[in-house]
Amino acid sequence: MNEMPKVSIIVPVYNMERYLGKCLDALTKQTLSDIEIVAVNDGSTDSSPSILRA
C-alpha cells in the first residue's frame, strides 16, 4: 500500500527564473526523506516553466 508523504511543500511560482533553481536545489537537499514538492506555476512569462520541467 502506498502511503502519503509526511510533509508536502508547496512552492508558488510566478516569474521566479532568477531564484527557482536555487530554491528547488535547497528543497531537494533537505534531510527529510519522506517529502513531496509541489510547484504551482501561475502563468509565468519567463523561463520558470522550463526550469520546472527540467
Protein backbone atom coordinates (compact mmCIF):
# COMPACT_ATOMS: atom_id res chain seq x y z
CA MET A 1 0.00 0.00 0.00
CA ASN A 2 1.36 3.45 -0.94
CA GLU A 3 1.48 5.86 1.96
CA MET A 4 1.25 9.61 1.62
CA PRO A 5 4.41 11.63 2.31
CA LYS A 6 4.65 13.07 5.79
CA VAL A 7 5.47 16.59 4.56
CA SER A 8 4.23 18.40 1.46
CA ILE A 9 5.98 21.57 0.36
CA ILE A 10 4.02 23.82 -1.97
CA VAL A 11 6.04 26.33 -3.98
CA PRO A 12 4.07 29.05 -5.78
CA VAL A 13 5.89 30.05 -8.96
CA TYR A 14 5.38 33.27 -10.89
CA ASN A 15 8.32 34.66 -12.87
CA MET A 16 10.90 33.23 -10.48
CA GLU A 17 13.51 32.09 -13.01
CA ARG A 18 16.20 34.01 -11.17
CA TYR A 19 15.64 32.11 -7.90
CA LEU A 20 13.82 28.92 -8.84
CA GLY A 21 16.83 26.67 -9.42
CA LYS A 22 18.37 27.59 -6.08
CA CYS A 23 15.03 27.16 -4.32
CA LEU A 24 14.44 23.69 -5.76
CA ASP A 25 18.03 22.63 -5.05
CA ALA A 26 17.66 23.67 -1.42
CA LEU A 27 14.37 21.80 -1.06
CA THR A 28 15.72 18.57 -2.58
CA LYS A 29 18.74 18.67 -0.26
CA GLN A 30 16.62 18.64 2.91
CA THR A 31 17.35 15.91 5.41
CA LEU A 32 13.72 14.81 5.50
CA SER A 33 13.34 11.75 3.33
CA ASP A 34 9.56 11.50 3.18
CA ILE A 35 8.57 14.72 1.40
CA GLU A 36 6.85 15.80 -1.76
CA ILE A 37 7.48 19.10 -3.52
CA VAL A 38 4.58 20.59 -5.45
CA ALA A 39 5.46 23.56 -7.66
CA VAL A 40 2.43 25.53 -8.89
CA ASN A 41 3.13 27.74 -11.89
CA ASP A 42 0.73 30.67 -12.07
CA GLY A 43 1.21 31.70 -15.69
CA SER A 44 4.87 32.71 -15.65
CA THR A 45 6.06 34.58 -18.72
CA ASP A 46 9.76 33.92 -18.09
CA SER A 47 11.63 30.60 -18.26
CA SER A 48 10.27 29.32 -14.94
CA PRO A 49 8.16 26.60 -16.67
CA SER A 50 11.27 25.29 -18.45
CA ILE A 51 13.17 25.14 -15.18
CA LEU A 52 10.32 23.21 -13.57
CA ARG A 53 10.23 20.69 -16.44
CA ALA A 54 13.99 20.13 -16.15
